[in-house]
Amino acid sequence: MAREQWGICSEANLHGLHLFFNAHDGYEPVIREALTQLPKIFEELNEQFSEAMFSGVIAIGATFWDELYPDKKPEGLKPFTAINHDDRYMPAESIDLFVQLRSDRQDVNYIACQRLVSLFGEMIELIEQVPCFRYLDGRDLTGFVDGTENPKGRSRREVALVKEGAFAAGSYLHVQRYRHNLARWDQVPTEDQELIIGRTKIDDIEMSKEEMPETAHVKRANVKDEDGNGLELMRQSMPYGNASIQGLLFISYCAQPTYFERILNSMVFGTDEGNYDHMLDYTTAETGSAFFAPSIDFLKNQGNID
């Protein structure tokens, strides 16, 4: 049975370091070889710093996949689709490799980053790094709890991981960096903030169907399929920020890549009456990329799995 990369379904941590790389041309064979060693490095760090609950995930970009593993490709893997509707814009960018490093110790994430950079050397170029942190009791910087409806326990793997075939135990991954306008948000009365989100701020209680506006974030992100089943994502989002900028690095894993697209469309386009997600009036997506995080076995065998 294929083994998933542990960080896909692991519980939340205090610190995250997220790295975005592009590969230099002609290094595909040595990158494939380097990727065979990365799971072992992550395992060693987890054992060495067991109290930190370290986990790492590496994912391959939709465009770069064809160059790195030309013989096999996940059926639903495609580039992130940019959306532009009224004043709401979801940009897309092509990133070759994404690495998620998380633990309860910032220094352990730093050590993992240094090991990774040393492993790949001149093969890849760092495009962006986003250090993140847990805020209070797992809240977004808006003050509301983030990821309340995340799957729990065994259902995390059911939601996140592909079940069968060569890509079993892998996961489709979407990443967006949102920048919040907290100066504007903080001017909104708490009662109005709760209507925008669809939950109470302090107690994290979801509003009833009668109370919740069509424009609430909870409403717009709660999309159902044709049989009335909710489209679930395994979210691993974390806040980031400093004195100048603040936001959320949105990260979702799923066995079905179309779930993310349908939820994002619901937020941006809303209903036929124009009821889009009003949280988008206070936060702006600045990036958007699509990846696939293959199983450990797939990485170790350089994609040679039937």
C-alpha atoms as a PDB file:
ATOM      1  CA  MET A   1       0.000   0.000   0.000  1.00  0.00           C
ATOM      2  CA  ALA A   2       1.347   3.403  -1.002  1.00  0.00           C
ATOM      3  CA  ARG A   3       2.254   5.788   1.812  1.00  0.00           C
ATOM      4  CA  GLU A   4       1.158   9.407   1.725  1.00  0.00           C
ATOM      5  CA  GLN A   5       3.407  12.293   2.639  1.00  0.00           C
ATOM      6  CA  TRP A   6       2.597  12.689   6.310  1.00  0.00           C
ATOM      7  CA  GLY A   7       2.214  16.469   6.279  1.00  0.00           C
ATOM      8  CA  ILE A   8      -0.852  16.297   4.027  1.00  0.00           C
ATOM      9  CA  CYS A   9      -3.143  15.072   6.804  1.00  0.00           C
ATOM     10  CA  SER A  10      -1.157  16.020   9.912  1.00  0.00           C
ATOM     11  CA  GLU A  11      -2.634  18.182  12.647  1.00  0.00           C
ATOM     12  CA  ALA A  12      -1.979  21.915  12.868  1.00  0.00           C
ATOM     13  CA  ASN A  13       1.382  23.232  14.077  1.00  0.00           C
ATOM     14  CA  LEU A  14       2.676  26.446  15.586  1.00  0.00           C
ATOM     15  CA  HIS A  15       5.010  27.354  12.710  1.00  0.00           C
ATOM     16  CA  GLY A  16       5.053  26.874   8.955  1.00  0.00           C
ATOM     17  CA  LEU A  17       7.594  27.659   6.265  1.00  0.00           C
ATOM     18  CA  HIS A  18       6.349  27.489   2.684  1.00  0.00           C
ATOM     19  CA  LEU A  19       8.775  27.533  -0.222  1.00  0.00           C
ATOM     20  CA  PHE A  20       8.069  28.093  -3.915  1.00  0.00           C
ATOM     21  CA  PHE A  21      10.723  27.072  -6.463  1.00  0.00           C
ATOM     22  CA  ASN A  22      11.219  27.032 -10.199  1.00  0.00           C
ATOM     23  CA  ALA A  23      13.582  24.510 -11.754  1.00  0.00           C
ATOM     24  CA  HIS A  24      16.424  25.347 -14.100  1.00  0.00           C
ATOM     25  CA  ASP A  25      16.197  23.756 -17.541  1.00  0.00           C
ATOM     26  CA  GLY A  26      17.906  20.427 -18.066  1.00  0.00           C
ATOM     27  CA  TYR A  27      17.991  19.331 -14.425  1.00  0.00           C
ATOM     28  CA  GLU A  28      14.917  17.107 -14.532  1.00  0.00           C
ATOM     29  CA  PRO A  29      16.802  13.758 -14.125  1.00  0.00           C
ATOM     30  CA  VAL A  30      18.798  14.945 -11.102  1.00  0.00           C
ATOM     31  CA  ILE A  31      15.721  16.578  -9.566  1.00  0.00           C
ATOM     32  CA  ARG A  32      13.910  13.240  -9.823  1.00  0.00           C
ATOM     33  CA  GLU A  33      16.864  11.612  -8.081  1.00  0.00           C
ATOM     34  CA  ALA A  34      16.929  14.285  -5.365  1.00  0.00           C
ATOM     35  CA  LEU A  35      13.227  13.795  -4.740  1.00  0.00           C
ATOM     36  CA  THR A  36      13.889  10.137  -3.888  1.00  0.00           C
ATOM     37  CA  GLN A  37      15.982  11.299  -0.926  1.00  0.00           C
ATOM     38  CA  LEU A  38      13.646  13.974   0.423  1.00  0.00           C
ATOM     39  CA  PRO A  39      11.181  11.694   2.282  1.00  0.00           C
ATOM     40  CA  LYS A  40      14.085  10.147   4.194  1.00  0.00           C
ATOM     41  CA  ILE A  41      15.356  13.597   5.175  1.00  0.00           C
ATOM     42  CA  PHE A  42      11.903  14.516   6.463  1.00  0.00           C
ATOM     43  CA  GLU A  43      11.705  11.244   8.410  1.00  0.00           C
ATOM     44  CA  GLU A  44      15.119  11.822   9.984  1.00  0.00           C
ATOM     45  CA  LEU A  45      14.144  15.321  11.103  1.00  0.00           C
ATOM     46  CA  ASN A  46      10.894  14.038  12.552  1.00  0.00           C
ATOM     47  CA  GLU A  47      12.789  11.428  14.590  1.00  0.00           C
ATOM     48  CA  GLN A  48      15.549  13.819  15.654  1.00  0.00           C
ATOM     49  CA  PHE A  49      13.098  16.491  16.827  1.00  0.00           C
ATOM     50  CA  SER A  50      10.160  14.300  17.796  1.00  0.00           C
ATOM     51  CA  GLU A  51       8.749  16.862  20.232  1.00  0.00           C
ATOM     52  CA  ALA A  52       8.397  19.395  17.390  1.00  0.00           C
ATOM     53  CA  MET A  53       5.914  17.273  15.409  1.00  0.00           C
ATOM     54  CA  PHE A  54       7.708  18.133  12.170  1.00  0.00           C
ATOM     55  CA  SER A  55       6.234  17.248   8.795  1.00  0.00           C
ATOM     56  CA  GLY A  56       7.131  18.096   5.226  1.00  0.00           C
ATOM     57  CA  VAL A  57       5.347  17.904   1.898  1.00  0.00           C
ATOM     58  CA  ILE A  58       6.716  18.426  -1.577  1.00  0.00           C
ATOM     59  CA  ALA A  59       4.399  18.914  -4.531  1.00  0.00           C
ATOM     60  CA  ILE A  60       5.026  19.253  -8.262  1.00  0.00           C
ATOM     61  CA  GLY A  61       3.456  22.045 -10.289  1.00  0.00           C
ATOM     62  CA  ALA A  62       0.902  21.273 -12.972  1.00  0.00           C
ATOM     63  CA  THR A  63       3.091  22.518 -15.829  1.00  0.00           C
ATOM     64  CA  PHE A  64       6.391  21.157 -14.538  1.00  0.00           C
ATOM     65  CA  TRP A  65       4.935  17.679 -14.017  1.00  0.00           C
ATOM     66  CA  ASP A  66       5.106  16.897 -17.757  1.00  0.00           C
ATOM     67  CA  GLU A  67       8.834  17.647 -17.752  1.00  0.00           C
ATOM     68  CA  LEU A  68       9.632  15.801 -14.539  1.00  0.00           C
ATOM     69  CA  TYR A  69       7.469  12.681 -15.006  1.00  0.00           C
ATOM     70  CA  PRO A  70       6.546  12.640 -18.717  1.00  0.00           C
ATOM     71  CA  ASP A  71       5.272   9.037 -18.710  1.00  0.00           C
ATOM     72  CA  LYS A  72       2.575   9.406 -16.041  1.00  0.00           C
ATOM     73  CA  LYS A  73       0.363  12.305 -15.016  1.00  0.00           C
ATOM     74  CA  PRO A  74      -2.523  12.577 -12.538  1.00  0.00           C
ATOM     75  CA  GLU A  75      -5.700  12.787 -14.561  1.00  0.00           C
ATOM     76  CA  GLY A  76      -7.057  15.926 -12.907  1.00  0.00           C
ATOM     77  CA  LEU A  77      -3.816  17.898 -12.692  1.00  0.00           C
ATOM     78  CA  LYS A  78      -3.987  21.150 -14.664  1.00  0.00           C
ATOM     79  CA  PRO A  79      -2.687  24.709 -14.265  1.00  0.00           C
ATOM     80  CA  PHE A  80      -4.478  27.048 -11.891  1.00  0.00           C
ATOM     81  CA  THR A  81      -7.204  28.946 -13.742  1.00  0.00           C
ATOM     82  CA  ALA A  82      -7.191  32.710 -13.239  1.00  0.00           C
ATOM     83  CA  ILE A  83     -10.577  34.313 -12.552  1.00  0.00           C
ATOM     84  CA  ASN A  84     -11.529  37.923 -13.246  1.00  0.00           C
ATOM     85  CA  HIS A  85     -15.085  38.940 -12.405  1.00  0.00           C
ATOM     86  CA  ASP A  86     -16.150  42.503 -11.623  1.00  0.00           C
ATOM     87  CA  ASP A  87     -13.585  43.748  -9.087  1.00  0.00           C
ATOM     88  CA  ARG A  88     -12.661  40.261  -7.895  1.00  0.00           C
ATOM     89  CA  TYR A  89      -9.494  38.797  -9.376  1.00  0.00           C
ATOM     90  CA  MET A  90      -7.894  35.435  -8.668  1.00  0.00           C
ATOM     91  CA  PRO A  91      -4.453  35.436 -10.328  1.00  0.00           C
ATOM     92  CA  ALA A  92      -2.566  32.367 -11.524  1.00  0.00           C
ATOM     93  CA  GLU A  93       1.152  31.711 -11.650  1.00  0.00           C
ATOM     94  CA  SER A  94       3.221  28.766 -12.747  1.00  0.00           C
ATOM     95  CA  ILE A  95       5.397  27.327  -9.971  1.00  0.00           C
ATOM     96  CA  ASP A  96       7.448  24.158 -10.463  1.00  0.00           C
ATOM     97  CA  LEU A  97       7.845  22.936  -6.889  1.00  0.00           C
ATOM     98  CA  PHE A  98       6.075  23.748  -3.623  1.00  0.00           C
ATOM     99  CA  VAL A  99       7.389  22.688  -0.222  1.00  0.00           C
ATOM    100  CA  GLN A 100       5.411  22.842   3.015  1.00  0.00           C
ATOM    101  CA  LEU A 101       7.462  22.594   6.220  1.00  0.00           C
ATOM    102  CA  ARG A 102       5.561  22.645   9.514  1.00  0.00           C
ATOM    103  CA  SER A 103       6.452  22.013  13.143  1.00  0.00           C
ATOM    104  CA  ASP A 104       6.083  23.440  16.628  1.00  0.00           C
ATOM    105  CA  ARG A 105       9.630  24.838  16.459  1.00  0.00           C
ATOM    106  CA  GLN A 106      10.666  27.523  14.035  1.00  0.00           C
ATOM    107  CA  ASP A 107      14.305  26.454  14.206  1.00  0.00           C
ATOM    108  CA  VAL A 108      13.394  22.931  13.053  1.00  0.00           C
ATOM    109  CA  ASN A 109      11.676  24.393   9.979  1.00  0.00           C
ATOM    110  CA  TYR A 110      14.838  26.401   9.319  1.00  0.00           C
ATOM    111  CA  ILE A 111      17.008  23.281   9.589  1.00  0.00           C
ATOM    112  CA  ALA A 112      14.698  21.430   7.203  1.00  0.00           C
ATOM    113  CA  CYS A 113      14.879  24.319   4.753  1.00  0.00           C
ATOM    114  CA  GLN A 114      18.677  24.292   4.833  1.00  0.00           C
ATOM    115  CA  ARG A 115      18.786  20.527   4.261  1.00  0.00           C
ATOM    116  CA  LEU A 116      16.436  20.888   1.305  1.00  0.00           C
ATOM    117  CA  VAL A 117      18.340  23.767  -0.282  1.00  0.00           C
ATOM    118  CA  SER A 118      21.596  21.855   0.141  1.00  0.00           C
ATOM    119  CA  LEU A 119      20.050  18.787  -1.489  1.00  0.00           C
ATOM    120  CA  PHE A 120      18.840  20.606  -4.606  1.00  0.00           C
ATOM    121  CA  GLY A 121      21.609  23.200  -4.895  1.00  0.00           C
ATOM    122  CA  GLU A 122      21.723  24.942  -8.261  1.00  0.00           C
ATOM    123  CA  MET A 123      18.959  22.774  -9.724  1.00  0.00           C
ATOM    124  CA  ILE A 124      16.216  25.083  -8.487  1.00  0.00           C
ATOM    125  CA  GLU A 125      15.638  28.764  -7.794  1.00  0.00           C
ATOM    126  CA  LEU A 126      13.678  30.096  -4.820  1.00  0.00           C
ATOM    127  CA  ILE A 127      10.815  32.292  -6.044  1.00  0.00           C
ATOM    128  CA  GLU A 128       9.076  33.035  -2.762  1.00  0.00           C
ATOM    129  CA  GLN A 129       9.082  31.935   0.862  1.00  0.00           C
ATOM    130  CA  VAL A 130       6.175  32.521   3.220  1.00  0.00           C
ATOM    131  CA  PRO A 131       6.796  31.932   6.934  1.00  0.00           C
ATOM    132  CA  CYS A 132       3.516  31.373   8.779  1.00  0.00           C
ATOM    133  CA  PHE A 133       2.403  31.000  12.359  1.00  0.00           C
ATOM    134  CA  ARG A 134      -0.488  29.804  14.443  1.00  0.00           C
ATOM    135  CA  TYR A 135      -2.532  32.767  15.663  1.00  0.00           C
ATOM    136  CA  LEU A 136      -4.193  32.405  19.064  1.00  0.00           C
ATOM    137  CA  ASP A 137      -6.359  29.252  19.107  1.00  0.00           C
ATOM    138  CA  GLY A 138      -6.137  28.567  15.376  1.00  0.00           C
ATOM    139  CA  ARG A 139      -7.668  31.811  14.126  1.00  0.00           C
ATOM    140  CA  ASP A 140      -7.181  33.848  11.001  1.00  0.00           C
ATOM    141  CA  LEU A 141      -5.873  37.383  11.564  1.00  0.00           C
ATOM    142  CA  THR A 142      -9.449  38.590  11.070  1.00  0.00           C
ATOM    143  CA  GLY A 143     -10.104  37.114  14.515  1.00  0.00           C
ATOM    144  CA  PHE A 144     -12.289  34.231  13.343  1.00  0.00           C
ATOM    145  CA  VAL A 145     -11.410  30.549  13.755  1.00  0.00           C
ATOM    146  CA  ASP A 146     -10.057  29.130  10.492  1.00  0.00           C
ATOM    147  CA  GLY A 147     -10.731  25.612   9.241  1.00  0.00           C
ATOM    148  CA  THR A 148     -13.651  24.854  11.551  1.00  0.00           C
ATOM    149  CA  GLU A 149     -15.212  22.441   9.061  1.00  0.00           C
ATOM    150  CA  ASN A 150     -11.989  20.594   8.294  1.00  0.00           C
ATOM    151  CA  PRO A 151     -12.472  16.794   8.272  1.00  0.00           C
ATOM    152  CA  LYS A 152     -11.541  15.072  11.500  1.00  0.00           C
ATOM    153  CA  GLY A 153      -9.774  11.804  12.282  1.00  0.00           C
ATOM    154  CA  ARG A 154      -9.824   9.102   9.601  1.00  0.00           C
ATOM    155  CA  SER A 155     -11.968  11.225   7.293  1.00  0.00           C
ATOM    156  CA  ARG A 156      -8.964  13.503   6.715  1.00  0.00           C
ATOM    157  CA  ARG A 157      -7.364  10.790   4.595  1.00  0.00           C
ATOM    158  CA  GLU A 158     -10.671  10.022   2.884  1.00  0.00           C
ATOM    159  CA  VAL A 159     -10.995  13.630   1.764  1.00  0.00           C
ATOM    160  CA  ALA A 160      -7.377  14.361   0.910  1.00  0.00           C
ATOM    161  CA  LEU A 161      -5.932  11.228  -0.692  1.00  0.00           C
ATOM    162  CA  VAL A 162      -6.415   9.584  -4.072  1.00  0.00           C
ATOM    163  CA  LYS A 163      -7.614   6.038  -3.449  1.00  0.00           C
ATOM    164  CA  GLU A 164      -6.444   3.887  -6.371  1.00  0.00           C
ATOM    165  CA  GLY A 165      -4.013   3.568  -9.244  1.00  0.00           C
ATOM    166  CA  ALA A 166      -0.465   4.810  -9.756  1.00  0.00           C
ATOM    167  CA  PHE A 167      -1.253   8.008  -7.865  1.00  0.00           C
ATOM    168  CA  ALA A 168      -2.848   6.391  -4.814  1.00  0.00           C
ATOM    169  CA  ALA A 169      -2.004   8.207  -1.556  1.00  0.00           C
ATOM    170  CA  GLY A 170      -1.252  11.368  -3.510  1.00  0.00           C
ATOM    171  CA  SER A 171      -3.236  14.582  -3.289  1.00  0.00           C
ATOM    172  CA  TYR A 172      -4.237  17.518  -5.479  1.00  0.00           C
ATOM    173  CA  LEU A 173      -3.019  20.734  -3.926  1.00  0.00           C
ATOM    174  CA  HIS A 174      -4.025  24.379  -4.460  1.00  0.00           C
ATOM    175  CA  VAL A 175      -2.222  27.323  -2.902  1.00  0.00           C
ATOM    176  CA  GLN A 176      -3.235  30.988  -2.807  1.00  0.00           C
ATOM    177  CA  ARG A 177      -1.625  33.809  -0.836  1.00  0.00           C
ATOM    178  CA  TYR A 178      -4.299  36.234   0.337  1.00  0.00           C
ATOM    179  CA  ARG A 179      -3.462  39.711   1.618  1.00  0.00           C
ATOM    180  CA  HIS A 180      -5.903  41.124   4.153  1.00  0.00           C
ATOM    181  CA  ASN A 181      -6.918  44.762   4.494  1.00  0.00           C
ATOM    182  CA  LEU A 182      -7.083  44.613   8.278  1.00  0.00           C
ATOM    183  CA  ALA A 183      -7.273  48.386   8.667  1.00  0.00           C
ATOM    184  CA  ARG A 184     -10.570  48.322   6.808  1.00  0.00           C
ATOM    185  CA  TRP A 185     -11.743  45.083   8.433  1.00  0.00           C
ATOM    186  CA  ASP A 186     -11.141  46.375  11.955  1.00  0.00           C
ATOM    187  CA  GLN A 187     -13.492  49.297  11.281  1.00  0.00           C
ATOM    188  CA  VAL A 188     -16.396  46.878  10.704  1.00  0.00           C
ATOM    189  CA  PRO A 189     -18.536  46.272  13.835  1.00  0.00           C
ATOM    190  CA  THR A 190     -18.286  42.723  15.197  1.00  0.00           C
ATOM    191  CA  GLU A 191     -21.961  42.002  14.423  1.00  0.00           C
ATOM    192  CA  ASP A 192     -21.381  42.889  10.762  1.00  0.00           C
ATOM    193  CA  GLN A 193     -18.150  40.866  10.643  1.00  0.00           C
ATOM    194  CA  GLU A 194     -20.115  37.851  11.833  1.00  0.00           C
ATOM    195  CA  LEU A 195     -22.632  38.315   9.010  1.00  0.00           C
ATOM    196  CA  ILE A 196     -19.752  38.474   6.508  1.00  0.00           C
ATOM    197  CA  ILE A 197     -18.223  35.244   7.843  1.00  0.00           C
ATOM    198  CA  GLY A 198     -21.382  33.371   8.854  1.00  0.00           C
ATOM    199  CA  ARG A 199     -20.146  32.460  12.343  1.00  0.00           C
ATOM    200  CA  THR A 200     -19.880  34.112  15.725  1.00  0.00           C
ATOM    201  CA  LYS A 201     -16.472  35.595  16.358  1.00  0.00           C
ATOM    202  CA  ILE A 202     -15.805  34.547  19.933  1.00  0.00           C
ATOM    203  CA  ASP A 203     -17.546  31.170  20.184  1.00  0.00           C
ATOM    204  CA  ASP A 204     -17.222  30.067  16.527  1.00  0.00           C
ATOM    205  CA  ILE A 205     -20.867  29.054  16.272  1.00  0.00           C
ATOM    206  CA  GLU A 206     -22.324  28.787  12.779  1.00  0.00           C
ATOM    207  CA  MET A 207     -25.405  30.874  12.071  1.00  0.00           C
ATOM    208  CA  SER A 208     -28.674  29.185  11.300  1.00  0.00           C
ATOM    209  CA  LYS A 209     -29.878  28.958   7.706  1.00  0.00           C
ATOM    210  CA  GLU A 210     -32.410  31.682   8.445  1.00  0.00           C
ATOM    211  CA  GLU A 211     -29.797  34.064   9.878  1.00  0.00           C
ATOM    212  CA  MET A 212     -26.977  33.456   7.408  1.00  0.00           C
ATOM    213  CA  PRO A 213     -26.812  35.814   4.412  1.00  0.00           C
ATOM    214  CA  GLU A 214     -26.245  34.411   0.921  1.00  0.00           C
ATOM    215  CA  THR A 215     -23.060  36.516   0.858  1.00  0.00           C
ATOM    216  CA  ALA A 216     -21.539  34.921   3.984  1.00  0.00           C
ATOM    217  CA  HIS A 217     -18.207  33.193   3.522  1.00  0.00           C
ATOM    218  CA  VAL A 218     -19.493  29.992   5.146  1.00  0.00           C
ATOM    219  CA  LYS A 219     -22.455  29.956   2.767  1.00  0.00           C
ATOM    220  CA  ARG A 220     -20.422  30.560  -0.375  1.00  0.00           C
ATOM    221  CA  ALA A 221     -17.746  28.001   0.589  1.00  0.00           C
ATOM    222  CA  ASN A 222     -20.359  25.340   1.422  1.00  0.00           C
ATOM    223  CA  VAL A 223     -20.878  23.822  -2.026  1.00  0.00           C
ATOM    224  CA  LYS A 224     -22.751  20.570  -2.574  1.00  0.00           C
ATOM    225  CA  ASP A 225     -22.672  18.067  -5.404  1.00  0.00           C
ATOM    226  CA  GLU A 226     -25.641  16.863  -7.428  1.00  0.00           C
ATOM    227  CA  ASP A 227     -26.572  14.395  -4.653  1.00  0.00           C
ATOM    228  CA  GLY A 228     -26.490  17.017  -1.926  1.00  0.00           C
ATOM    229  CA  ASN A 229     -23.138  15.968  -0.455  1.00  0.00           C
ATOM    230  CA  GLY A 230     -20.763  18.704   0.669  1.00  0.00           C
ATOM    231  CA  LEU A 231     -17.534  19.166  -1.301  1.00  0.00           C
ATOM    232  CA  GLU A 232     -14.876  18.819   1.389  1.00  0.00           C
ATOM    233  CA  LEU A 233     -11.265  19.998   1.301  1.00  0.00           C
ATOM    234  CA  MET A 234      -8.407  19.216   3.686  1.00  0.00           C
ATOM    235  CA  ARG A 235      -7.205  22.717   4.551  1.00  0.00           C
ATOM    236  CA  GLN A 236      -3.738  23.389   5.923  1.00  0.00           C
ATOM    237  CA  SER A 237      -3.906  27.190   5.733  1.00  0.00           C
ATOM    238  CA  MET A 238      -1.885  29.428   8.070  1.00  0.00           C
ATOM    239  CA  PRO A 239      -1.684  33.186   8.742  1.00  0.00           C
ATOM    240  CA  TYR A 240       1.393  35.206   7.843  1.00  0.00           C
ATOM    241  CA  GLY A 241       2.346  38.797   8.485  1.00  0.00           C
ATOM    242  CA  ASN A 242       4.573  41.505   9.869  1.00  0.00           C
ATOM    243  CA  ALA A 243       4.190  45.195  10.710  1.00  0.00           C
ATOM    244  CA  SER A 244       3.422  46.055   7.073  1.00  0.00           C
ATOM    245  CA  ILE A 245       1.409  43.210   5.532  1.00  0.00           C
ATOM    246  CA  GLN A 246      -0.879  40.512   6.883  1.00  0.00           C
ATOM    247  CA  GLY A 247      -2.839  37.712   5.315  1.00  0.00           C
ATOM    248  CA  LEU A 248      -3.558  34.024   4.950  1.00  0.00           C
ATOM    249  CA  LEU A 249      -1.684  31.418   2.964  1.00  0.00           C
ATOM    250  CA  PHE A 250      -4.556  29.241   1.789  1.00  0.00           C
ATOM    251  CA  ILE A 251      -3.581  25.600   1.243  1.00  0.00           C
ATOM    252  CA  SER A 252      -6.018  22.829   0.355  1.00  0.00           C
ATOM    253  CA  TYR A 253      -5.519  19.138  -0.369  1.00  0.00           C
ATOM    254  CA  CYS A 254      -8.143  16.952  -1.987  1.00  0.00           C
ATOM    255  CA  ALA A 255      -8.589  13.680  -3.839  1.00  0.00           C
ATOM    256  CA  GLN A 256     -10.842  15.552  -6.292  1.00  0.00           C
ATOM    257  CA  PRO A 257      -9.260  18.675  -7.844  1.00  0.00           C
ATOM    258  CA  THR A 258     -12.580  19.993  -9.140  1.00  0.00           C
ATOM    259  CA  TYR A 259     -13.869  20.540  -5.594  1.00  0.00           C
ATOM    260  CA  PHE A 260     -11.537  23.498  -5.063  1.00  0.00           C
ATOM    261  CA  GLU A 261     -12.501  25.041  -8.399  1.00  0.00           C
ATOM    262  CA  ARG A 262     -16.211  24.792  -7.670  1.00  0.00           C
ATOM    263  CA  ILE A 263     -15.832  26.332  -4.218  1.00  0.00           C
ATOM    264  CA  LEU A 264     -13.687  29.191  -5.542  1.00  0.00           C
ATOM    265  CA  ASN A 265     -16.204  29.890  -8.311  1.00  0.00           C
ATOM    266  CA  SER A 266     -18.983  29.982  -5.728  1.00  0.00           C
ATOM    267  CA  MET A 267     -17.042  32.575  -3.757  1.00  0.00           C
ATOM    268  CA  VAL A 268     -16.150  34.781  -6.732  1.00  0.00           C
ATOM    269  CA  PHE A 269     -19.280  34.544  -8.891  1.00  0.00           C
ATOM    270  CA  GLY A 270     -21.838  33.745  -6.211  1.00  0.00           C
ATOM    271  CA  THR A 271     -25.443  33.201  -7.182  1.00  0.00           C
ATOM    272  CA  ASP A 272     -27.351  34.443 -10.200  1.00  0.00           C
ATOM    273  CA  GLU A 273     -28.439  37.367  -8.011  1.00  0.00           C
ATOM    274  CA  GLY A 274     -24.812  38.446  -7.583  1.00  0.00           C
ATOM    275  CA  ASN A 275     -24.376  37.176  -4.031  1.00  0.00           C
ATOM    276  CA  TYR A 276     -20.604  36.667  -3.988  1.00  0.00           C
ATOM    277  CA  ASP A 277     -18.484  36.066  -0.870  1.00  0.00           C
ATOM    278  CA  HIS A 278     -18.302  39.481   0.832  1.00  0.00           C
ATOM    279  CA  MET A 279     -15.114  38.466   2.633  1.00  0.00           C
ATOM    280  CA  LEU A 280     -13.451  39.165  -0.716  1.00  0.00           C
ATOM    281  CA  ASP A 281     -14.114  42.866  -0.092  1.00  0.00           C
ATOM    282  CA  TYR A 282     -11.512  42.703   2.677  1.00  0.00           C
ATOM    283  CA  THR A 283      -8.893  40.305   1.310  1.00  0.00           C
ATOM    284  CA  THR A 284      -7.175  39.961  -2.065  1.00  0.00           C
ATOM    285  CA  ALA A 285      -5.621  36.897  -3.652  1.00  0.00           C
ATOM    286  CA  GLU A 286      -2.143  37.764  -4.884  1.00  0.00           C
ATOM    287  CA  THR A 287      -1.061  34.299  -6.086  1.00  0.00           C
ATOM    288  CA  GLY A 288      -2.608  31.023  -7.207  1.00  0.00           C
ATOM    289  CA  SER A 289      -0.981  27.731  -8.201  1.00  0.00           C
ATOM    290  CA  ALA A 290      -1.951  24.079  -8.663  1.00  0.00           C
ATOM    291  CA  PHE A 291       0.200  21.079  -7.687  1.00  0.00           C
ATOM    292  CA  PHE A 292       0.105  17.360  -7.039  1.00  0.00           C
ATOM    293  CA  ALA A 293       1.760  15.859  -3.970  1.00  0.00           C
ATOM    294  CA  PRO A 294       2.585  12.242  -4.920  1.00  0.00           C
ATOM    295  CA  SER A 295       3.020   9.382  -2.492  1.00  0.00           C
ATOM    296  CA  ILE A 296       6.347   8.648  -0.833  1.00  0.00           C
ATOM    297  CA  ASP A 297       6.563   5.456  -2.901  1.00  0.00           C
ATOM    298  CA  PHE A 298       6.072   7.388  -6.138  1.00  0.00           C
ATOM    299  CA  LEU A 299       8.877   9.784  -5.202  1.00  0.00           C
ATOM    300  CA  LYS A 300      11.279   7.049  -4.099  1.00  0.00           C
ATOM    301  CA  ASN A 301      10.721   5.074  -7.311  1.00  0.00           C
ATOM    302  CA  GLN A 302      10.997   8.133  -9.570  1.00  0.00           C
ATOM    303  CA  GLY A 303       7.460   7.585 -10.784  1.00  0.00           C
ATOM    304  CA  ASN A 304       7.988   3.956 -11.753  1.00  0.00           C
ATOM    305  CA  ILE A 305       4.810   2.627 -10.144  1.00  0.00           C
ATOM    306  CA  ASP A 306       2.022   0.766 -11.938  1.00  0.00           C
END
